[in-house]
Amino acid sequence: LLLFVAAVFSMAAASPMKYPKDWPDQFVINFRSNITTEGEGANPLAGIMYYNWTQQLQRVDHAPGAVECLEFYNTQGGCVLIFSTKGMYRILKDPIPEGSPQCCLDMDSIHASPPDWAMKSNPTYNGVVKDPYSELRSFKWTFDNLNAPSLSRRRLQDKEPHMYYQTWEKKQPLVFTFPGKDGIQDYHFDVDYS
């Protein structure tokens, strides 16, 4: 009987995560974007995300050339997105496009994500996979119900789902994919830095 109970607990401990682990209340993490799945033309761009749920703030700094800066704000310079209780603010870095203010409240309906955002979004669990970019063993989930803006306001909404990966060992955020096949807007988190 003791062996049976030990085996059940062992199987439960080894079973995959059905839901993503909550984010910590505060962290800072580097990420790379503009990474193609085929590897050709890949020009990784640095970014950094600051997260503080105790103040309900999230800040994402994008490097010059990032899709968010080019497609949404028509700037070759970098841009900063700040998510607060009042909405999402954007700050443009030089060179600022003519006629555009450097800072403004851009979308009042988008706020910082709570630590349990991934679980609340009711994702489909895809199992343990090897992330093709980092080659780390990771848990993977697909979100069929996230209503995020398309890659460009000038294009139709992409039909592909968002995906989220967490490292298998430490259960840290690893990748968040925005709709699209080419990886130019995805966040590939640097799990060695936090």
N, C-alpha and C. Protein backbone atom coordinates (compact mmCIF):
# COMPACT_ATOMS: atom_id res chain seq x y z
N LEU A 1 0.83 -1.19 0.00
CA LEU A 1 0.00 0.00 0.00
C LEU A 1 0.87 1.25 0.00
N LEU A 2 1.95 1.26 0.81
CA LEU A 2 2.84 2.41 0.85
C LEU A 2 3.50 2.64 -0.50
N LEU A 3 3.89 1.56 -1.18
CA LEU A 3 4.49 1.70 -2.50
C LEU A 3 3.50 2.29 -3.50
N PHE A 4 2.22 1.87 -3.41
CA PHE A 4 1.18 2.39 -4.30
C PHE A 4 0.98 3.88 -4.07
N VAL A 5 0.86 4.32 -2.81
CA VAL A 5 0.68 5.74 -2.48
C VAL A 5 1.89 6.54 -2.95
N ALA A 6 3.10 6.03 -2.73
CA ALA A 6 4.30 6.72 -3.17
C ALA A 6 4.32 6.85 -4.70
N ALA A 7 3.89 5.79 -5.39
CA ALA A 7 3.86 5.83 -6.86
C ALA A 7 2.84 6.85 -7.36
N VAL A 8 1.68 6.95 -6.72
CA VAL A 8 0.65 7.94 -7.10
C VAL A 8 1.19 9.35 -6.92
N PHE A 9 1.82 9.62 -5.76
CA PHE A 9 2.38 10.96 -5.52
C PHE A 9 3.50 11.26 -6.50
N SER A 10 4.29 10.27 -6.83
CA SER A 10 5.38 10.46 -7.78
C SER A 10 4.83 10.80 -9.16
N MET A 11 3.79 10.10 -9.61
CA MET A 11 3.18 10.39 -10.90
C MET A 11 2.56 11.78 -10.90
N ALA A 12 1.91 12.16 -9.81
CA ALA A 12 1.30 13.48 -9.72
C ALA A 12 2.35 14.57 -9.80
N ALA A 13 3.48 14.37 -9.15
CA ALA A 13 4.55 15.36 -9.15
C ALA A 13 5.19 15.47 -10.53
N ALA A 14 5.24 14.35 -11.26
CA ALA A 14 5.87 14.34 -12.58
C ALA A 14 4.90 14.74 -13.69
N SER A 15 3.61 14.83 -13.39
CA SER A 15 2.64 15.14 -14.43
C SER A 15 2.80 16.58 -14.89
N PRO A 16 2.51 16.85 -16.16
CA PRO A 16 2.71 18.19 -16.70
C PRO A 16 1.76 19.21 -16.08
N MET A 17 2.16 20.48 -16.19
CA MET A 17 1.34 21.57 -15.68
C MET A 17 0.14 21.78 -16.61
N LYS A 18 -1.05 21.78 -16.04
CA LYS A 18 -2.23 22.05 -16.86
C LYS A 18 -2.35 23.55 -17.13
N TYR A 19 -1.96 24.37 -16.17
CA TYR A 19 -2.03 25.82 -16.32
C TYR A 19 -0.67 26.46 -16.07
N PRO A 20 -0.41 27.58 -16.71
CA PRO A 20 0.86 28.27 -16.47
C PRO A 20 0.99 28.75 -15.03
N LYS A 21 2.21 28.78 -14.56
CA LYS A 21 2.51 29.31 -13.23
C LYS A 21 2.30 30.83 -13.25
N ASP A 22 1.77 31.38 -12.17
CA ASP A 22 1.59 32.83 -12.07
C ASP A 22 2.94 33.53 -12.16
N TRP A 23 2.91 34.74 -12.70
CA TRP A 23 4.11 35.57 -12.68
C TRP A 23 4.40 36.02 -11.26
N PRO A 24 5.67 36.28 -10.92
CA PRO A 24 5.97 36.90 -9.62
C PRO A 24 5.36 38.30 -9.59
N ASP A 25 5.15 38.85 -8.40
CA ASP A 25 4.57 40.20 -8.28
C ASP A 25 5.47 41.27 -8.87
N GLN A 26 6.81 41.04 -8.87
CA GLN A 26 7.74 42.01 -9.42
C GLN A 26 8.90 41.27 -10.10
N PHE A 27 9.28 41.74 -11.28
CA PHE A 27 10.48 41.21 -11.94
C PHE A 27 10.88 42.13 -13.08
N VAL A 28 12.10 41.94 -13.55
CA VAL A 28 12.64 42.63 -14.73
C VAL A 28 13.24 41.53 -15.59
N ILE A 29 12.95 41.58 -16.90
CA ILE A 29 13.48 40.53 -17.77
C ILE A 29 13.78 41.10 -19.16
N ASN A 30 14.92 40.73 -19.69
CA ASN A 30 15.27 41.07 -21.07
C ASN A 30 14.54 40.13 -22.01
N PHE A 31 14.31 40.59 -23.24
CA PHE A 31 13.75 39.71 -24.26
C PHE A 31 14.31 40.11 -25.62
N ARG A 32 14.14 39.22 -26.58
CA ARG A 32 14.51 39.48 -27.96
C ARG A 32 13.24 39.35 -28.81
N SER A 33 13.14 40.19 -29.81
CA SER A 33 12.07 40.08 -30.80
C SER A 33 12.69 40.17 -32.18
N ASN A 34 11.85 40.13 -33.22
CA ASN A 34 12.31 40.16 -34.60
C ASN A 34 13.16 38.93 -34.92
N ILE A 35 12.67 37.80 -34.51
CA ILE A 35 13.37 36.53 -34.75
C ILE A 35 12.48 35.68 -35.65
N THR A 36 13.00 35.32 -36.81
CA THR A 36 12.20 34.53 -37.74
C THR A 36 12.30 33.06 -37.39
N THR A 37 11.25 32.30 -37.68
CA THR A 37 11.25 30.87 -37.38
C THR A 37 12.20 30.11 -38.31
N GLU A 38 12.42 30.62 -39.52
CA GLU A 38 13.32 29.94 -40.46
C GLU A 38 14.77 30.30 -40.21
N GLY A 39 15.04 31.40 -39.54
CA GLY A 39 16.41 31.80 -39.27
C GLY A 39 16.98 32.74 -40.30
N GLU A 40 16.41 32.81 -41.51
CA GLU A 40 16.92 33.72 -42.53
C GLU A 40 16.41 35.13 -42.24
N GLY A 41 17.30 36.09 -42.35
CA GLY A 41 16.91 37.47 -42.14
C GLY A 41 16.67 37.80 -40.68
N ALA A 42 16.99 36.89 -39.79
CA ALA A 42 16.78 37.14 -38.37
C ALA A 42 17.70 38.27 -37.92
N ASN A 43 17.12 39.25 -37.29
CA ASN A 43 17.88 40.37 -36.77
C ASN A 43 17.34 40.64 -35.38
N PRO A 44 17.74 39.85 -34.39
CA PRO A 44 17.16 39.99 -33.05
C PRO A 44 17.32 41.40 -32.50
N LEU A 45 16.24 41.92 -31.94
CA LEU A 45 16.23 43.24 -31.34
C LEU A 45 16.04 43.09 -29.84
N ALA A 46 16.82 43.85 -29.09
CA ALA A 46 16.75 43.79 -27.63
C ALA A 46 15.53 44.54 -27.12
N GLY A 47 14.97 44.05 -26.04
CA GLY A 47 13.88 44.71 -25.34
C GLY A 47 14.00 44.38 -23.87
N ILE A 48 13.26 45.09 -23.06
CA ILE A 48 13.26 44.79 -21.63
C ILE A 48 11.86 45.05 -21.08
N MET A 49 11.42 44.17 -20.19
CA MET A 49 10.12 44.34 -19.56
C MET A 49 10.31 44.48 -18.06
N TYR A 50 9.66 45.50 -17.50
CA TYR A 50 9.62 45.74 -16.06
C TYR A 50 8.20 45.45 -15.62
N TYR A 51 8.05 44.69 -14.55
CA TYR A 51 6.71 44.30 -14.10
C TYR A 51 6.61 44.51 -12.61
N ASN A 52 5.56 45.21 -12.18
CA ASN A 52 5.32 45.46 -10.76
C ASN A 52 3.82 45.43 -10.51
N TRP A 53 3.32 44.26 -10.10
CA TRP A 53 1.88 44.14 -9.91
C TRP A 53 1.41 44.85 -8.64
N THR A 54 2.28 45.03 -7.65
CA THR A 54 1.85 45.74 -6.44
C THR A 54 1.45 47.17 -6.78
N GLN A 55 2.03 47.74 -7.83
CA GLN A 55 1.64 49.07 -8.31
C GLN A 55 0.80 49.00 -9.58
N GLN A 56 0.52 47.79 -10.04
CA GLN A 56 -0.22 47.54 -11.28
C GLN A 56 0.39 48.30 -12.46
N LEU A 57 1.70 48.15 -12.59
CA LEU A 57 2.45 48.77 -13.67
C LEU A 57 3.24 47.73 -14.44
N GLN A 58 3.32 47.95 -15.73
CA GLN A 58 4.13 47.10 -16.60
C GLN A 58 4.73 48.03 -17.65
N ARG A 59 6.02 47.92 -17.88
CA ARG A 59 6.71 48.76 -18.86
C ARG A 59 7.46 47.86 -19.82
N VAL A 60 7.36 48.14 -21.11
CA VAL A 60 8.07 47.39 -22.13
C VAL A 60 8.84 48.38 -22.99
N ASP A 61 10.17 48.24 -23.00
CA ASP A 61 11.05 49.07 -23.81
C ASP A 61 11.42 48.31 -25.08
N HIS A 62 11.10 48.91 -26.23
CA HIS A 62 11.41 48.29 -27.53
C HIS A 62 12.55 49.05 -28.20
N ALA A 63 13.46 48.33 -28.81
CA ALA A 63 14.60 48.91 -29.51
C ALA A 63 14.16 49.52 -30.84
N PRO A 64 14.97 50.42 -31.40
CA PRO A 64 14.68 50.94 -32.73
C PRO A 64 14.54 49.79 -33.73
N GLY A 65 13.54 49.89 -34.58
CA GLY A 65 13.28 48.84 -35.56
C GLY A 65 12.26 47.82 -35.12
N ALA A 66 11.81 47.87 -33.86
CA ALA A 66 10.81 46.91 -33.37
C ALA A 66 9.47 47.17 -34.06
N VAL A 67 8.73 46.10 -34.28
CA VAL A 67 7.45 46.18 -34.97
C VAL A 67 6.51 47.15 -34.27
N GLU A 68 6.46 47.11 -32.95
CA GLU A 68 5.56 48.00 -32.22
C GLU A 68 5.82 49.45 -32.55
N CYS A 69 7.09 49.82 -32.67
CA CYS A 69 7.47 51.21 -32.96
C CYS A 69 7.19 51.55 -34.42
N LEU A 70 7.59 50.66 -35.34
CA LEU A 70 7.43 50.92 -36.77
C LEU A 70 5.97 50.90 -37.21
N GLU A 71 5.27 49.83 -36.88
CA GLU A 71 3.92 49.62 -37.39
C GLU A 71 2.86 50.47 -36.69
N PHE A 72 2.98 50.63 -35.40
CA PHE A 72 1.93 51.33 -34.66
C PHE A 72 2.19 52.83 -34.52
N TYR A 73 3.48 53.23 -34.49
CA TYR A 73 3.79 54.64 -34.23
C TYR A 73 4.63 55.29 -35.32
N ASN A 74 4.88 54.58 -36.41
CA ASN A 74 5.58 55.10 -37.56
C ASN A 74 6.91 55.77 -37.21
N THR A 75 7.64 55.16 -36.29
CA THR A 75 8.93 55.73 -35.90
C THR A 75 10.05 54.72 -36.09
N GLN A 76 11.18 55.21 -36.57
CA GLN A 76 12.38 54.39 -36.70
C GLN A 76 13.09 54.25 -35.36
N GLY A 77 12.78 55.17 -34.43
CA GLY A 77 13.39 55.13 -33.11
C GLY A 77 12.72 54.08 -32.24
N GLY A 78 13.26 53.89 -31.06
CA GLY A 78 12.65 52.96 -30.12
C GLY A 78 11.38 53.55 -29.53
N CYS A 79 10.65 52.73 -28.80
CA CYS A 79 9.45 53.22 -28.12
C CYS A 79 9.27 52.46 -26.80
N VAL A 80 8.59 53.11 -25.89
CA VAL A 80 8.32 52.55 -24.57
C VAL A 80 6.82 52.50 -24.38
N LEU A 81 6.32 51.35 -23.94
CA LEU A 81 4.90 51.19 -23.63
C LEU A 81 4.77 51.01 -22.13
N ILE A 82 3.93 51.84 -21.51
CA ILE A 82 3.71 51.76 -20.07
C ILE A 82 2.23 51.45 -19.83
N PHE A 83 1.98 50.32 -19.17
CA PHE A 83 0.62 49.88 -18.87
C PHE A 83 0.33 50.21 -17.42
N SER A 84 -0.73 50.97 -17.18
CA SER A 84 -1.09 51.38 -15.82
C SER A 84 -2.58 51.15 -15.61
N THR A 85 -3.07 51.58 -14.45
CA THR A 85 -4.50 51.44 -14.17
C THR A 85 -5.33 52.37 -15.06
N LYS A 86 -4.70 53.39 -15.63
CA LYS A 86 -5.42 54.33 -16.51
C LYS A 86 -5.38 53.92 -17.97
N GLY A 87 -4.53 52.97 -18.32
CA GLY A 87 -4.42 52.53 -19.70
C GLY A 87 -2.97 52.38 -20.12
N MET A 88 -2.76 52.31 -21.44
CA MET A 88 -1.42 52.15 -21.99
C MET A 88 -0.93 53.48 -22.55
N TYR A 89 0.21 53.92 -22.02
CA TYR A 89 0.87 55.13 -22.51
C TYR A 89 2.00 54.71 -23.43
N ARG A 90 2.34 55.57 -24.36
CA ARG A 90 3.49 55.30 -25.20
C ARG A 90 4.41 56.51 -25.19
N ILE A 91 5.70 56.22 -25.21
CA ILE A 91 6.73 57.26 -25.27
C ILE A 91 7.60 56.93 -26.47
N LEU A 92 7.73 57.89 -27.38
CA LEU A 92 8.56 57.69 -28.57
C LEU A 92 9.94 58.25 -28.32
N LYS A 93 10.94 57.56 -28.85
CA LYS A 93 12.32 58.04 -28.76
C LYS A 93 12.73 58.63 -30.09
N ASP A 94 13.75 59.48 -30.07
CA ASP A 94 14.21 60.14 -31.30
C ASP A 94 14.63 59.12 -32.34
N PRO A 95 14.37 59.38 -33.60
CA PRO A 95 13.69 60.55 -34.14
C PRO A 95 12.17 60.41 -34.04
N ILE A 96 11.51 61.41 -33.50
CA ILE A 96 10.05 61.39 -33.34
C ILE A 96 9.42 61.84 -34.66
N PRO A 97 8.46 61.08 -35.18
CA PRO A 97 7.82 61.46 -36.44
C PRO A 97 7.18 62.85 -36.33
N GLU A 98 7.27 63.60 -37.40
CA GLU A 98 6.69 64.95 -37.41
C GLU A 98 5.20 64.89 -37.13
N GLY A 99 4.75 65.75 -36.23
CA GLY A 99 3.34 65.82 -35.88
C GLY A 99 2.91 64.84 -34.80
N SER A 100 3.81 64.01 -34.32
CA SER A 100 3.47 63.05 -33.27
C SER A 100 3.99 63.56 -31.92
N PRO A 101 3.13 63.53 -30.90
CA PRO A 101 3.64 63.90 -29.57
C PRO A 101 4.56 62.80 -29.05
N GLN A 102 5.53 63.18 -28.24
CA GLN A 102 6.48 62.20 -27.70
C GLN A 102 5.77 61.21 -26.77
N CYS A 103 4.79 61.68 -26.00
CA CYS A 103 4.13 60.82 -25.02
C CYS A 103 2.63 61.09 -25.03
N CYS A 104 1.89 60.06 -24.82
CA CYS A 104 0.43 60.23 -24.68
C CYS A 104 -0.20 58.94 -24.17
N LEU A 105 -1.42 59.08 -23.66
CA LEU A 105 -2.24 57.91 -23.35
C LEU A 105 -2.73 57.38 -24.69
N ASP A 106 -2.30 56.19 -25.05
CA ASP A 106 -2.60 55.66 -26.38
C ASP A 106 -3.89 54.84 -26.39
N MET A 107 -4.03 53.94 -25.40
CA MET A 107 -5.24 53.09 -25.34
C MET A 107 -5.67 52.95 -23.89
N ASP A 108 -6.81 53.52 -23.56
CA ASP A 108 -7.25 53.48 -22.17
C ASP A 108 -7.86 52.14 -21.76
N SER A 109 -8.05 51.24 -22.70
CA SER A 109 -8.65 49.94 -22.38
C SER A 109 -7.62 48.84 -22.14
N ILE A 110 -6.33 49.13 -22.33
CA ILE A 110 -5.29 48.12 -22.13
C ILE A 110 -4.51 48.47 -20.87
N HIS A 111 -4.42 47.50 -19.94
CA HIS A 111 -3.78 47.72 -18.64
C HIS A 111 -2.71 46.66 -18.40
N ALA A 112 -1.98 46.79 -17.31
CA ALA A 112 -1.00 45.78 -16.91
C ALA A 112 -1.71 44.45 -16.69
N SER A 113 -1.07 43.38 -17.07
CA SER A 113 -1.64 42.04 -16.90
C SER A 113 -1.45 41.57 -15.47
N PRO A 114 -2.47 40.99 -14.84
CA PRO A 114 -2.28 40.44 -13.49
C PRO A 114 -1.37 39.21 -13.54
N PRO A 115 -0.76 38.83 -12.42
CA PRO A 115 0.16 37.69 -12.41
C PRO A 115 -0.46 36.39 -12.94
N ASP A 116 -1.76 36.22 -12.79
CA ASP A 116 -2.43 34.99 -13.25
C ASP A 116 -3.12 35.15 -14.60
N TRP A 117 -2.67 36.12 -15.40
CA TRP A 117 -3.30 36.40 -16.69
C TRP A 117 -3.37 35.15 -17.58
N ALA A 118 -2.33 34.35 -17.59
CA ALA A 118 -2.29 33.20 -18.50
C ALA A 118 -3.30 32.13 -18.09
N MET A 119 -3.44 31.88 -16.79
CA MET A 119 -4.40 30.89 -16.33
C MET A 119 -5.82 31.39 -16.57
N LYS A 120 -6.07 32.68 -16.29
CA LYS A 120 -7.41 33.25 -16.47
C LYS A 120 -7.86 33.23 -17.92
N SER A 121 -6.91 33.18 -18.84
CA SER A 121 -7.23 33.18 -20.26
C SER A 121 -7.64 31.81 -20.77
N ASN A 122 -7.64 30.82 -19.87
CA ASN A 122 -8.08 29.46 -20.16
C ASN A 122 -7.37 28.87 -21.40
N PRO A 123 -6.05 28.73 -21.33
CA PRO A 123 -5.32 28.23 -22.49
C PRO A 123 -5.48 26.72 -22.69
N THR A 124 -5.16 26.29 -23.89
CA THR A 124 -5.10 24.86 -24.20
C THR A 124 -3.68 24.40 -23.93
N TYR A 125 -3.54 23.38 -23.11
CA TYR A 125 -2.21 22.85 -22.78
C TYR A 125 -1.71 21.99 -23.93
N ASN A 126 -0.50 22.27 -24.43
CA ASN A 126 0.07 21.54 -25.55
C ASN A 126 1.16 20.56 -25.16
N GLY A 127 1.50 20.49 -23.87
CA GLY A 127 2.50 19.53 -23.43
C GLY A 127 3.87 20.13 -23.26
N VAL A 128 4.84 19.24 -23.06
CA VAL A 128 6.23 19.65 -22.91
C VAL A 128 6.88 19.56 -24.28
N VAL A 129 7.51 20.66 -24.69
CA VAL A 129 8.12 20.75 -26.02
C VAL A 129 9.53 21.33 -25.89
N LYS A 130 10.26 21.30 -26.97
CA LYS A 130 11.56 21.97 -27.03
C LYS A 130 11.35 23.27 -27.80
N ASP A 131 11.59 24.41 -27.13
CA ASP A 131 11.45 25.70 -27.79
C ASP A 131 12.48 25.78 -28.91
N PRO A 132 12.05 26.05 -30.16
CA PRO A 132 13.00 26.03 -31.27
C PRO A 132 14.07 27.11 -31.22
N TYR A 133 13.80 28.24 -30.56
CA TYR A 133 14.79 29.32 -30.51
C TYR A 133 15.83 29.09 -29.43
N SER A 134 15.40 28.88 -28.19
CA SER A 134 16.33 28.70 -27.07
C SER A 134 16.80 27.25 -26.92
N GLU A 135 16.04 26.34 -27.51
CA GLU A 135 16.26 24.90 -27.39
C GLU A 135 16.08 24.39 -25.96
N LEU A 136 15.35 25.15 -25.15
CA LEU A 136 15.06 24.72 -23.78
C LEU A 136 13.79 23.89 -23.74
N ARG A 137 13.78 22.91 -22.88
CA ARG A 137 12.58 22.11 -22.64
C ARG A 137 11.57 23.01 -21.93
N SER A 138 10.34 23.04 -22.43
CA SER A 138 9.38 23.98 -21.88
C SER A 138 7.96 23.45 -21.97
N PHE A 139 7.10 24.04 -21.13
CA PHE A 139 5.66 23.81 -21.21
C PHE A 139 5.11 24.78 -22.25
N LYS A 140 4.09 24.36 -22.99
CA LYS A 140 3.53 25.22 -24.03
C LYS A 140 2.00 25.24 -23.92
N TRP A 141 1.44 26.45 -24.10
CA TRP A 141 0.00 26.64 -24.11
C TRP A 141 -0.39 27.46 -25.33
N THR A 142 -1.60 27.23 -25.83
CA THR A 142 -2.16 28.00 -26.94
C THR A 142 -3.39 28.74 -26.44
N PHE A 143 -3.48 30.01 -26.85
CA PHE A 143 -4.63 30.84 -26.49
C PHE A 143 -5.42 31.11 -27.76
N ASP A 144 -6.62 30.56 -27.82
CA ASP A 144 -7.47 30.76 -28.99
C ASP A 144 -8.40 31.96 -28.80
N ASN A 145 -8.44 32.50 -27.57
CA ASN A 145 -9.47 33.50 -27.26
C ASN A 145 -8.91 34.87 -26.89
N LEU A 146 -7.63 35.13 -27.12
CA LEU A 146 -7.08 36.45 -26.83
C LEU A 146 -7.40 37.39 -27.97
N ASN A 147 -7.93 38.54 -27.65
CA ASN A 147 -8.27 39.53 -28.67
C ASN A 147 -7.25 40.65 -28.65
N ALA A 148 -6.12 40.42 -29.27
CA ALA A 148 -5.06 41.43 -29.32
C ALA A 148 -5.09 42.12 -30.67
N PRO A 149 -4.51 43.33 -30.74
CA PRO A 149 -4.46 44.02 -32.04
C PRO A 149 -3.66 43.20 -33.04
N SER A 150 -3.98 43.39 -34.30
CA SER A 150 -3.23 42.68 -35.34
C SER A 150 -1.82 43.26 -35.44
N LEU A 151 -0.97 42.58 -36.18
CA LEU A 151 0.41 43.01 -36.35
C LEU A 151 0.48 44.44 -36.87
N SER A 152 -0.42 44.81 -37.72
CA SER A 152 -0.48 46.17 -38.24
C SER A 152 -1.92 46.61 -38.28
N ARG A 153 -2.16 47.85 -37.98
CA ARG A 153 -3.53 48.38 -38.04
C ARG A 153 -4.03 48.39 -39.48
N ARG A 154 -3.12 48.29 -40.42
CA ARG A 154 -3.51 48.31 -41.83
C ARG A 154 -3.83 46.91 -42.36
N ARG A 155 -3.61 45.87 -41.57
CA ARG A 155 -3.88 44.51 -42.02
C ARG A 155 -5.08 43.94 -41.27
N LEU A 156 -5.66 42.90 -41.83
CA LEU A 156 -6.76 42.22 -41.15
C LEU A 156 -6.22 41.47 -39.93
N GLN A 157 -7.09 41.24 -38.96
CA GLN A 157 -6.69 40.50 -37.75
C GLN A 157 -6.14 39.14 -38.15
N ASP A 158 -4.99 38.81 -37.63
CA ASP A 158 -4.36 37.53 -37.90
C ASP A 158 -5.18 36.43 -37.23
N LYS A 159 -5.34 35.32 -37.90
CA LYS A 159 -6.16 34.23 -37.38
C LYS A 159 -5.38 33.25 -36.51
N GLU A 160 -4.06 33.41 -36.44
CA GLU A 160 -3.27 32.47 -35.67
C GLU A 160 -3.37 32.75 -34.19
N PRO A 161 -3.34 31.71 -33.36
CA PRO A 161 -3.45 31.91 -31.91
C PRO A 161 -2.14 32.39 -31.29
N HIS A 162 -2.27 33.00 -30.13
CA HIS A 162 -1.09 33.34 -29.32
C HIS A 162 -0.59 32.06 -28.66
N MET A 163 0.70 32.00 -28.37
CA MET A 163 1.26 30.86 -27.65
C MET A 163 2.16 31.37 -26.54
N TYR A 164 2.26 30.58 -25.48
CA TYR A 164 3.05 30.96 -24.32
C TYR A 164 3.84 29.75 -23.87
N TYR A 165 5.13 29.96 -23.59
CA TYR A 165 6.02 28.89 -23.12
C TYR A 165 6.59 29.30 -21.76
N GLN A 166 6.72 28.33 -20.87
CA GLN A 166 7.44 28.51 -19.61
C GLN A 166 8.50 27.42 -19.52
N THR A 167 9.65 27.78 -18.93
CA THR A 167 10.72 26.79 -18.82
C THR A 167 10.25 25.61 -17.98
N TRP A 168 10.72 24.44 -18.35
CA TRP A 168 10.29 23.22 -17.68
C TRP A 168 10.83 23.14 -16.25
N GLU A 169 12.10 23.51 -16.05
CA GLU A 169 12.70 23.37 -14.72
C GLU A 169 12.22 24.43 -13.74
N LYS A 170 12.37 25.70 -14.09
CA LYS A 170 12.07 26.77 -13.14
C LYS A 170 10.71 27.41 -13.36
N LYS A 171 10.03 27.02 -14.44
CA LYS A 171 8.70 27.54 -14.77
C LYS A 171 8.71 29.07 -14.90
N GLN A 172 9.73 29.58 -15.59
CA GLN A 172 9.86 31.01 -15.86
C GLN A 172 9.26 31.32 -17.23
N PRO A 173 8.79 32.56 -17.45
CA PRO A 173 8.34 32.93 -18.80
C PRO A 173 9.48 32.74 -19.79
N LEU A 174 9.20 32.12 -20.91
CA LEU A 174 10.23 31.85 -21.92
C LEU A 174 9.90 32.53 -23.25
N VAL A 175 8.68 32.33 -23.75
CA VAL A 175 8.28 32.93 -25.03
C VAL A 175 6.81 33.30 -24.96
N PHE A 176 6.48 34.46 -25.52
CA PHE A 176 5.08 34.79 -25.79
C PHE A 176 5.00 35.17 -27.25
N THR A 177 4.16 34.47 -28.02
CA THR A 177 4.04 34.75 -29.44
C THR A 177 2.78 35.55 -29.71
N PHE A 178 2.95 36.57 -30.51
CA PHE A 178 1.81 37.33 -31.02
C PHE A 178 1.41 36.67 -32.33
N PRO A 179 0.18 36.88 -32.80
CA PRO A 179 -0.20 36.21 -34.05
C PRO A 179 0.75 36.55 -35.18
N GLY A 180 1.03 35.57 -35.96
CA GLY A 180 1.93 35.74 -37.10
C GLY A 180 2.97 34.64 -37.12
N LYS A 181 3.41 34.27 -38.31
CA LYS A 181 4.32 33.14 -38.45
C LYS A 181 5.78 33.51 -38.35
N ASP A 182 6.11 34.78 -38.55
CA ASP A 182 7.51 35.10 -38.74
C ASP A 182 8.28 35.48 -37.49
N GLY A 183 7.65 35.61 -36.35
CA GLY A 183 8.36 35.84 -35.10
C GLY A 183 8.89 37.24 -34.90
N ILE A 184 8.51 38.18 -35.77
CA ILE A 184 9.09 39.52 -35.65
C ILE A 184 8.55 40.31 -34.47
N GLN A 185 7.43 39.88 -33.89
CA GLN A 185 6.86 40.61 -32.76
C GLN A 185 6.88 39.79 -31.47
N ASP A 186 7.30 38.55 -31.53
CA ASP A 186 7.29 37.67 -30.36
C ASP A 186 8.31 38.13 -29.32
N TYR A 187 8.04 37.78 -28.07
CA TYR A 187 8.98 38.05 -26.98
C TYR A 187 9.66 36.74 -26.61
N HIS A 188 10.97 36.67 -26.83
CA HIS A 188 11.78 35.53 -26.41
C HIS A 188 12.54 35.98 -25.16
N PHE A 189 12.05 35.59 -23.99
CA PHE A 189 12.60 36.07 -22.74
C PHE A 189 13.95 35.44 -22.41
N ASP A 190 14.83 36.23 -21.83
CA ASP A 190 16.14 35.78 -21.40
C ASP A 190 16.01 35.27 -19.97
N VAL A 191 15.88 33.97 -19.81
CA VAL A 191 15.63 33.41 -18.48
C VAL A 191 16.86 33.45 -17.58
N ASP A 192 18.02 33.78 -18.13
CA ASP A 192 19.22 33.91 -17.30
C ASP A 192 19.31 35.27 -16.64
N TYR A 193 18.40 36.17 -17.00
CA TYR A 193 18.42 37.53 -16.46
C TYR A 193 17.05 37.83 -15.87
N SER A 194 16.98 38.09 -14.60
CA SER A 194 15.72 38.49 -13.99
C SER A 194 15.99 39.07 -12.62
